[in-house]
């Protein structure tokens, strides 16, 4: 068995790509428009997985955008946390969280332990960020930062 991808539904392609690519650093590997089915699939790879993902088409995150209905509205997806979460390993949890905060992303669960943090995509999908290797020593402002919202 080989892990291929995780699919999440999104409401706004530009907003989602800004979050996943511009803020989180993922890379779009391919896109598929299905006019008959009225949807767009966008496949993203973590930057460290890009070469492997282009060759094997895994591991990937599939963003599914269902086109607006006859009323011109897209479905409003609720309960992103019910999905669970996506998890990504990062080289430095503190630098990653600071970079995300500088780009306007709320850190819902700060990396107080030097190991784990949570953020949410624009569609409410929880992303767990895990420190590569051993936990980093606790440091401020993270050690005393409170949780924000749900994660």
N, C-alpha and C. Protein backbone atom coordinates (compact mmCIF):
# COMPACT_ATOMS: atom_id res chain seq x y z
N UNK A 1 0.84 -1.16 0.00
CA UNK A 1 0.00 0.00 0.00
C UNK A 1 0.90 1.24 0.00
N UNK A 2 0.47 2.29 -0.69
CA UNK A 2 1.21 3.54 -0.75
C UNK A 2 0.25 4.69 -0.52
N UNK A 3 0.63 5.61 0.37
CA UNK A 3 -0.18 6.79 0.62
C UNK A 3 -0.13 7.68 -0.62
N UNK A 4 -1.28 8.14 -1.10
CA UNK A 4 -1.34 9.00 -2.27
C UNK A 4 -1.66 10.45 -1.93
N UNK A 5 -2.85 10.70 -1.38
CA UNK A 5 -3.22 12.07 -1.08
C UNK A 5 -4.36 12.15 -0.08
N UNK A 6 -4.56 13.34 0.43
CA UNK A 6 -5.72 13.67 1.26
C UNK A 6 -6.49 14.75 0.52
N UNK A 7 -7.81 14.62 0.45
CA UNK A 7 -8.63 15.60 -0.24
C UNK A 7 -9.39 16.45 0.77
N UNK A 8 -9.37 17.76 0.54
CA UNK A 8 -10.21 18.68 1.31
C UNK A 8 -10.94 19.57 0.32
N UNK A 9 -12.19 19.90 0.67
CA UNK A 9 -12.98 20.79 -0.18
C UNK A 9 -12.71 22.24 0.21
N UNK A 10 -12.66 23.09 -0.79
CA UNK A 10 -12.38 24.51 -0.56
C UNK A 10 -13.48 25.36 -1.19
N UNK A 11 -13.66 26.59 -0.67
CA UNK A 11 -14.66 27.52 -1.19
C UNK A 11 -14.09 28.50 -2.19
N UNK A 12 -12.78 28.84 -2.04
CA UNK A 12 -12.18 29.90 -2.84
C UNK A 12 -10.77 29.48 -3.24
N UNK A 13 -10.54 29.29 -4.52
CA UNK A 13 -9.23 28.81 -5.00
C UNK A 13 -8.12 29.78 -4.64
N UNK A 14 -8.31 31.07 -4.94
CA UNK A 14 -7.25 32.05 -4.69
C UNK A 14 -6.90 32.13 -3.20
N UNK A 15 -7.91 32.18 -2.36
CA UNK A 15 -7.68 32.27 -0.92
C UNK A 15 -6.96 31.03 -0.41
N UNK A 16 -7.36 29.86 -0.90
CA UNK A 16 -6.73 28.61 -0.45
C UNK A 16 -5.29 28.50 -0.94
N UNK A 17 -5.04 28.86 -2.22
CA UNK A 17 -3.68 28.81 -2.73
C UNK A 17 -2.78 29.82 -2.04
N UNK A 18 -3.32 30.97 -1.69
CA UNK A 18 -2.54 31.95 -0.94
C UNK A 18 -2.09 31.33 0.39
N UNK A 19 -3.01 30.66 1.07
CA UNK A 19 -2.66 30.03 2.35
C UNK A 19 -1.66 28.89 2.17
N UNK A 20 -2.02 27.91 1.36
CA UNK A 20 -1.20 26.71 1.25
C UNK A 20 0.14 26.96 0.54
N UNK A 21 0.15 27.78 -0.51
CA UNK A 21 1.38 28.01 -1.29
C UNK A 21 2.17 29.23 -0.79
N UNK A 22 1.54 30.39 -0.76
CA UNK A 22 2.26 31.61 -0.40
C UNK A 22 2.64 31.67 1.07
N UNK A 23 1.76 31.20 1.95
CA UNK A 23 2.03 31.31 3.38
C UNK A 23 2.70 30.06 3.94
N UNK A 24 2.22 28.89 3.54
CA UNK A 24 2.76 27.64 4.08
C UNK A 24 3.93 27.10 3.27
N UNK A 25 4.05 27.52 2.00
CA UNK A 25 5.19 27.12 1.19
C UNK A 25 5.01 25.86 0.36
N UNK A 26 3.76 25.39 0.21
CA UNK A 26 3.52 24.21 -0.62
C UNK A 26 3.62 24.59 -2.10
N UNK A 27 3.70 23.58 -2.97
CA UNK A 27 3.90 23.79 -4.40
C UNK A 27 2.80 23.06 -5.17
N UNK A 28 2.18 23.78 -6.12
CA UNK A 28 1.17 23.14 -6.97
C UNK A 28 1.89 22.24 -7.97
N UNK A 29 1.49 20.95 -8.03
CA UNK A 29 2.14 20.01 -8.94
C UNK A 29 1.30 19.75 -10.18
N UNK A 30 -0.03 19.85 -10.05
CA UNK A 30 -0.88 19.69 -11.22
C UNK A 30 -2.29 20.16 -10.89
N UNK A 31 -3.06 20.40 -11.96
CA UNK A 31 -4.43 20.89 -11.82
C UNK A 31 -5.28 20.23 -12.87
N UNK A 32 -6.53 19.93 -12.51
CA UNK A 32 -7.45 19.29 -13.44
C UNK A 32 -8.80 19.99 -13.35
N UNK A 33 -9.29 20.45 -14.49
CA UNK A 33 -10.62 21.08 -14.57
C UNK A 33 -11.57 20.04 -15.18
N UNK A 34 -12.71 19.83 -14.56
CA UNK A 34 -13.69 18.89 -15.08
C UNK A 34 -14.98 19.66 -15.32
N UNK A 35 -15.18 20.08 -16.58
CA UNK A 35 -16.34 20.89 -16.92
C UNK A 35 -17.64 20.12 -16.73
N UNK A 36 -17.66 18.86 -17.13
CA UNK A 36 -18.88 18.06 -17.00
C UNK A 36 -19.25 17.88 -15.53
N UNK A 37 -18.26 17.59 -14.70
CA UNK A 37 -18.52 17.40 -13.27
C UNK A 37 -18.58 18.70 -12.49
N UNK A 38 -18.17 19.82 -13.13
CA UNK A 38 -18.19 21.14 -12.53
C UNK A 38 -17.33 21.23 -11.27
N UNK A 39 -16.07 20.78 -11.42
CA UNK A 39 -15.14 20.89 -10.30
C UNK A 39 -13.72 21.07 -10.82
N UNK A 40 -12.87 21.56 -9.93
CA UNK A 40 -11.44 21.73 -10.20
C UNK A 40 -10.68 21.00 -9.11
N UNK A 41 -9.68 20.21 -9.51
CA UNK A 41 -8.80 19.54 -8.55
C UNK A 41 -7.42 20.18 -8.67
N UNK A 42 -6.85 20.55 -7.53
CA UNK A 42 -5.52 21.14 -7.49
C UNK A 42 -4.69 20.29 -6.54
N UNK A 43 -3.58 19.77 -7.03
CA UNK A 43 -2.72 18.91 -6.22
C UNK A 43 -1.50 19.68 -5.76
N UNK A 44 -1.25 19.64 -4.45
CA UNK A 44 -0.14 20.35 -3.84
C UNK A 44 0.80 19.38 -3.15
N UNK A 45 2.08 19.72 -3.17
CA UNK A 45 3.09 18.94 -2.45
C UNK A 45 3.79 19.86 -1.47
N UNK A 46 4.20 19.30 -0.33
CA UNK A 46 5.07 20.04 0.57
C UNK A 46 6.38 20.28 -0.18
N UNK A 47 7.02 21.42 0.04
CA UNK A 47 8.19 21.77 -0.76
C UNK A 47 9.27 20.69 -0.70
N UNK A 48 9.45 20.01 0.43
CA UNK A 48 10.46 18.95 0.52
C UNK A 48 10.04 17.68 -0.22
N UNK A 49 8.75 17.57 -0.57
CA UNK A 49 8.24 16.38 -1.27
C UNK A 49 8.01 16.62 -2.75
N UNK A 50 8.34 17.81 -3.25
CA UNK A 50 7.97 18.19 -4.62
C UNK A 50 8.52 17.22 -5.67
N UNK A 51 9.80 16.90 -5.64
CA UNK A 51 10.38 16.02 -6.66
C UNK A 51 9.72 14.64 -6.63
N UNK A 52 9.58 14.07 -5.44
CA UNK A 52 8.94 12.76 -5.31
C UNK A 52 7.49 12.82 -5.78
N UNK A 53 6.78 13.87 -5.42
CA UNK A 53 5.37 13.98 -5.77
C UNK A 53 5.16 14.09 -7.28
N UNK A 54 6.05 14.79 -7.97
CA UNK A 54 5.92 14.91 -9.42
C UNK A 54 6.17 13.57 -10.09
N UNK A 55 7.06 12.79 -9.52
CA UNK A 55 7.39 11.48 -10.11
C UNK A 55 6.35 10.43 -9.78
N UNK A 56 5.95 10.35 -8.51
CA UNK A 56 5.07 9.26 -8.07
C UNK A 56 3.62 9.70 -7.87
N UNK A 57 3.36 11.02 -7.99
CA UNK A 57 2.04 11.60 -7.72
C UNK A 57 1.62 11.37 -6.27
N UNK A 58 2.61 11.31 -5.36
CA UNK A 58 2.35 11.13 -3.94
C UNK A 58 3.59 11.59 -3.17
N UNK A 59 3.47 11.99 -1.94
CA UNK A 59 2.26 12.30 -1.19
C UNK A 59 1.77 13.70 -1.54
N UNK A 60 0.47 13.85 -1.64
CA UNK A 60 -0.11 15.12 -2.08
C UNK A 60 -1.32 15.52 -1.24
N UNK A 61 -1.63 16.80 -1.31
CA UNK A 61 -2.87 17.33 -0.78
C UNK A 61 -3.70 17.71 -2.00
N UNK A 62 -4.91 17.19 -2.07
CA UNK A 62 -5.81 17.51 -3.18
C UNK A 62 -6.84 18.53 -2.69
N UNK A 63 -6.84 19.70 -3.30
CA UNK A 63 -7.86 20.70 -3.02
C UNK A 63 -8.96 20.53 -4.05
N UNK A 64 -10.18 20.33 -3.60
CA UNK A 64 -11.31 20.15 -4.51
C UNK A 64 -12.21 21.37 -4.43
N UNK A 65 -12.36 22.04 -5.57
CA UNK A 65 -13.23 23.20 -5.66
C UNK A 65 -14.43 22.82 -6.51
N UNK A 66 -15.61 22.77 -5.88
CA UNK A 66 -16.85 22.50 -6.60
C UNK A 66 -17.40 23.85 -7.08
N UNK A 67 -17.60 23.94 -8.39
CA UNK A 67 -18.01 25.20 -9.00
C UNK A 67 -19.36 25.65 -8.45
N UNK A 68 -19.63 26.96 -8.50
CA UNK A 68 -20.90 27.48 -8.00
C UNK A 68 -22.09 26.84 -8.71
N UNK A 69 -23.20 26.75 -7.98
CA UNK A 69 -24.43 26.21 -8.55
C UNK A 69 -25.12 27.25 -9.41
N UNK A 70 -26.31 26.92 -9.85
CA UNK A 70 -27.08 27.83 -10.70
C UNK A 70 -27.36 29.16 -10.01
N UNK A 71 -27.37 29.14 -8.66
CA UNK A 71 -27.61 30.38 -7.92
C UNK A 71 -26.34 31.23 -7.80
N UNK A 72 -25.23 30.73 -8.35
CA UNK A 72 -23.97 31.47 -8.31
C UNK A 72 -23.20 31.34 -7.01
N UNK A 73 -23.68 30.50 -6.10
CA UNK A 73 -23.03 30.36 -4.79
C UNK A 73 -22.28 29.03 -4.71
N UNK A 74 -21.18 29.06 -3.96
CA UNK A 74 -20.47 27.82 -3.66
C UNK A 74 -20.98 27.29 -2.33
N UNK A 75 -20.84 26.01 -2.14
CA UNK A 75 -21.27 25.39 -0.89
C UNK A 75 -20.41 25.91 0.25
N UNK A 76 -21.05 26.17 1.40
CA UNK A 76 -20.31 26.62 2.59
C UNK A 76 -20.03 25.39 3.44
N UNK A 77 -18.80 24.92 3.42
CA UNK A 77 -18.43 23.72 4.14
C UNK A 77 -18.25 24.03 5.62
N UNK A 78 -18.92 23.27 6.45
CA UNK A 78 -18.86 23.46 7.90
C UNK A 78 -18.12 22.28 8.53
N UNK A 79 -17.60 22.50 9.72
CA UNK A 79 -17.04 21.39 10.49
C UNK A 79 -15.70 20.91 10.01
N UNK A 80 -14.81 21.84 9.58
CA UNK A 80 -13.48 21.44 9.12
C UNK A 80 -12.75 20.62 10.16
N UNK A 81 -12.98 20.92 11.44
CA UNK A 81 -12.30 20.17 12.50
C UNK A 81 -12.81 18.73 12.53
N UNK A 82 -14.03 18.47 12.12
CA UNK A 82 -14.55 17.10 12.09
C UNK A 82 -13.73 16.22 11.17
N UNK A 83 -13.09 16.83 10.18
CA UNK A 83 -12.22 16.11 9.26
C UNK A 83 -11.04 15.51 10.00
N UNK A 84 -10.57 16.16 11.04
CA UNK A 84 -9.35 15.79 11.74
C UNK A 84 -8.31 16.83 11.42
N UNK A 85 -7.15 16.42 10.93
CA UNK A 85 -6.14 17.41 10.58
C UNK A 85 -5.13 16.83 9.61
N UNK A 86 -4.40 17.74 8.95
CA UNK A 86 -3.26 17.37 8.12
C UNK A 86 -2.03 17.62 8.99
N UNK A 87 -0.98 16.85 8.80
CA UNK A 87 0.24 17.04 9.59
C UNK A 87 1.44 17.20 8.67
N UNK A 88 2.29 18.18 9.01
CA UNK A 88 3.51 18.44 8.25
C UNK A 88 4.68 18.62 9.19
N UNK A 89 5.80 18.03 8.84
CA UNK A 89 7.04 18.18 9.60
C UNK A 89 7.75 19.44 9.10
N UNK A 90 8.28 20.24 10.03
CA UNK A 90 8.98 21.48 9.67
C UNK A 90 10.38 21.47 10.28
N UNK A 91 11.30 22.20 9.64
CA UNK A 91 12.68 22.25 10.12
C UNK A 91 12.82 22.98 11.44
N UNK A 92 12.06 24.07 11.63
CA UNK A 92 12.13 24.84 12.87
C UNK A 92 10.73 25.35 13.18
N UNK A 93 10.12 24.79 14.22
CA UNK A 93 8.74 25.10 14.56
C UNK A 93 8.55 26.58 14.89
N UNK A 94 9.53 27.17 15.58
CA UNK A 94 9.41 28.58 15.95
C UNK A 94 9.51 29.49 14.73
N UNK A 95 10.46 29.25 13.87
CA UNK A 95 10.61 30.07 12.66
C UNK A 95 9.39 29.93 11.76
N UNK A 96 8.88 28.71 11.63
CA UNK A 96 7.70 28.48 10.79
C UNK A 96 6.50 29.24 11.33
N UNK A 97 6.26 29.15 12.65
CA UNK A 97 5.11 29.85 13.24
C UNK A 97 5.27 31.36 13.14
N UNK A 98 6.48 31.86 13.33
CA UNK A 98 6.70 33.30 13.21
C UNK A 98 6.45 33.77 11.78
N UNK A 99 6.93 33.00 10.81
CA UNK A 99 6.72 33.34 9.41
C UNK A 99 5.22 33.37 9.09
N UNK A 100 4.47 32.38 9.60
CA UNK A 100 3.03 32.34 9.36
C UNK A 100 2.34 33.53 10.02
N UNK A 101 2.72 33.83 11.27
CA UNK A 101 2.13 34.99 11.95
C UNK A 101 2.41 36.27 11.19
N UNK A 102 3.64 36.42 10.70
CA UNK A 102 4.01 37.62 9.93
C UNK A 102 3.18 37.75 8.66
N UNK A 103 2.65 36.63 8.19
CA UNK A 103 1.83 36.62 6.98
C UNK A 103 0.34 36.63 7.30
N UNK A 104 0.00 36.89 8.55
CA UNK A 104 -1.40 37.05 8.94
C UNK A 104 -2.12 35.79 9.35
N UNK A 105 -1.41 34.69 9.58
CA UNK A 105 -2.04 33.43 9.98
C UNK A 105 -2.09 33.37 11.51
N UNK A 106 -3.25 33.01 12.05
CA UNK A 106 -3.40 32.84 13.49
C UNK A 106 -2.81 31.50 13.90
N UNK A 107 -2.00 31.51 14.94
CA UNK A 107 -1.46 30.27 15.51
C UNK A 107 -2.45 29.84 16.58
N UNK A 108 -3.29 28.85 16.26
CA UNK A 108 -4.35 28.44 17.17
C UNK A 108 -3.80 27.72 18.40
N UNK A 109 -2.81 26.90 18.21
CA UNK A 109 -2.15 26.20 19.32
C UNK A 109 -0.66 26.48 19.15
N UNK A 110 -0.11 27.42 19.93
CA UNK A 110 1.30 27.78 19.79
C UNK A 110 2.23 26.61 20.18
N UNK A 111 3.47 26.65 19.69
CA UNK A 111 4.43 25.57 19.98
C UNK A 111 5.10 25.75 21.34
N UNK A 112 4.30 25.77 22.40
CA UNK A 112 4.84 25.97 23.75
C UNK A 112 5.88 24.93 24.12
N UNK A 113 5.71 23.72 23.59
CA UNK A 113 6.61 22.61 23.93
C UNK A 113 7.78 22.49 22.96
N UNK A 114 7.90 23.41 21.99
CA UNK A 114 8.98 23.34 21.01
C UNK A 114 8.81 22.20 20.03
N UNK A 115 7.61 21.63 19.98
CA UNK A 115 7.41 20.45 19.14
C UNK A 115 6.19 20.54 18.22
N UNK A 116 5.07 21.09 18.71
CA UNK A 116 3.83 21.00 17.96
C UNK A 116 3.07 22.32 18.00
N UNK A 117 2.46 22.66 16.85
CA UNK A 117 1.59 23.82 16.75
C UNK A 117 0.44 23.46 15.80
N UNK A 118 -0.65 24.22 15.91
CA UNK A 118 -1.78 24.06 14.99
C UNK A 118 -2.18 25.41 14.42
N UNK A 119 -2.53 25.40 13.12
CA UNK A 119 -3.10 26.55 12.43
C UNK A 119 -4.29 26.02 11.64
N UNK A 120 -5.07 26.94 11.06
CA UNK A 120 -6.21 26.53 10.24
C UNK A 120 -6.14 27.18 8.87
N UNK A 121 -6.60 26.44 7.87
CA UNK A 121 -6.70 26.97 6.51
C UNK A 121 -7.91 27.91 6.46
N UNK A 122 -8.07 28.66 5.37
CA UNK A 122 -9.24 29.53 5.25
C UNK A 122 -10.57 28.77 5.33
N UNK A 123 -10.57 27.48 5.05
CA UNK A 123 -11.79 26.68 5.11
C UNK A 123 -11.94 25.93 6.43
N UNK A 124 -11.10 26.26 7.42
CA UNK A 124 -11.24 25.66 8.74
C UNK A 124 -10.60 24.30 8.90
N UNK A 125 -9.72 23.91 7.98
CA UNK A 125 -9.03 22.63 8.09
C UNK A 125 -7.84 22.80 9.04
N UNK A 126 -7.76 21.99 10.07
CA UNK A 126 -6.66 22.07 11.03
C UNK A 126 -5.40 21.47 10.43
N UNK A 127 -4.28 22.18 10.59
CA UNK A 127 -2.97 21.69 10.16
C UNK A 127 -2.08 21.61 11.38
N UNK A 128 -1.53 20.44 11.61
CA UNK A 128 -0.59 20.23 12.70
C UNK A 128 0.82 20.40 12.15
N UNK A 129 1.61 21.23 12.79
CA UNK A 129 3.00 21.43 12.41
C UNK A 129 3.86 20.77 13.48
N UNK A 130 4.75 19.88 13.07
CA UNK A 130 5.57 19.12 14.00
C UNK A 130 7.05 19.41 13.75
N UNK A 131 7.79 19.62 14.82
CA UNK A 131 9.21 19.87 14.74
C UNK A 131 9.95 18.64 14.24
N UNK A 132 10.80 18.82 13.25
CA UNK A 132 11.64 17.74 12.74
C UNK A 132 12.66 17.37 13.81
N UNK A 133 12.82 16.08 14.06
CA UNK A 133 13.79 15.62 15.07
C UNK A 133 13.29 15.89 16.48
N UNK A 134 14.23 16.17 17.36
CA UNK A 134 13.90 16.42 18.77
C UNK A 134 13.19 17.76 18.94
N UNK A 135 12.40 17.87 20.00
CA UNK A 135 11.74 19.13 20.32
C UNK A 135 12.79 20.20 20.58
N UNK A 136 12.47 21.43 20.20
CA UNK A 136 13.34 22.56 20.52
C UNK A 136 13.09 22.98 21.97
N UNK A 137 14.09 23.56 22.63
CA UNK A 137 13.86 24.03 24.00
C UNK A 137 12.76 25.09 24.01
N UNK A 138 11.89 25.07 25.02
CA UNK A 138 10.84 26.09 25.10
C UNK A 138 11.45 27.49 25.09
N UNK A 139 10.78 28.42 24.40
CA UNK A 139 11.26 29.80 24.37
C UNK A 139 10.09 30.74 24.20
N UNK A 140 10.28 31.97 24.65
CA UNK A 140 9.27 33.01 24.52
C UNK A 140 9.32 33.60 23.12
N UNK A 141 8.22 34.10 22.60
CA UNK A 141 6.95 34.29 23.30
C UNK A 141 6.08 33.05 23.31
N UNK A 142 6.55 31.99 22.68
CA UNK A 142 5.74 30.79 22.49
C UNK A 142 5.39 30.08 23.80
N UNK A 143 6.33 30.00 24.73
CA UNK A 143 6.13 29.23 25.96
C UNK A 143 4.94 29.71 26.77
N UNK A 144 4.65 31.02 26.73
CA UNK A 144 3.54 31.54 27.54
C UNK A 144 2.34 31.97 26.69
N UNK A 145 2.38 31.70 25.39
CA UNK A 145 1.28 32.10 24.51
C UNK A 145 0.07 31.19 24.69
N UNK A 146 -1.10 31.78 24.80
CA UNK A 146 -2.34 31.04 24.97
C UNK A 146 -2.86 30.50 23.64
N UNK A 147 -3.72 29.49 23.71
CA UNK A 147 -4.42 29.01 22.52
C UNK A 147 -5.38 30.09 22.03
N UNK A 148 -5.66 30.08 20.72
CA UNK A 148 -6.60 31.00 20.11
C UNK A 148 -7.61 30.19 19.33
N UNK A 149 -8.87 30.26 19.71
CA UNK A 149 -9.91 29.52 18.99
C UNK A 149 -9.74 28.02 19.16
N UNK A 150 -10.31 27.28 18.24
CA UNK A 150 -10.21 25.82 18.27
C UNK A 150 -9.13 25.35 17.32
N UNK A 151 -8.66 24.15 17.51
CA UNK A 151 -7.65 23.60 16.62
C UNK A 151 -7.86 22.12 16.49
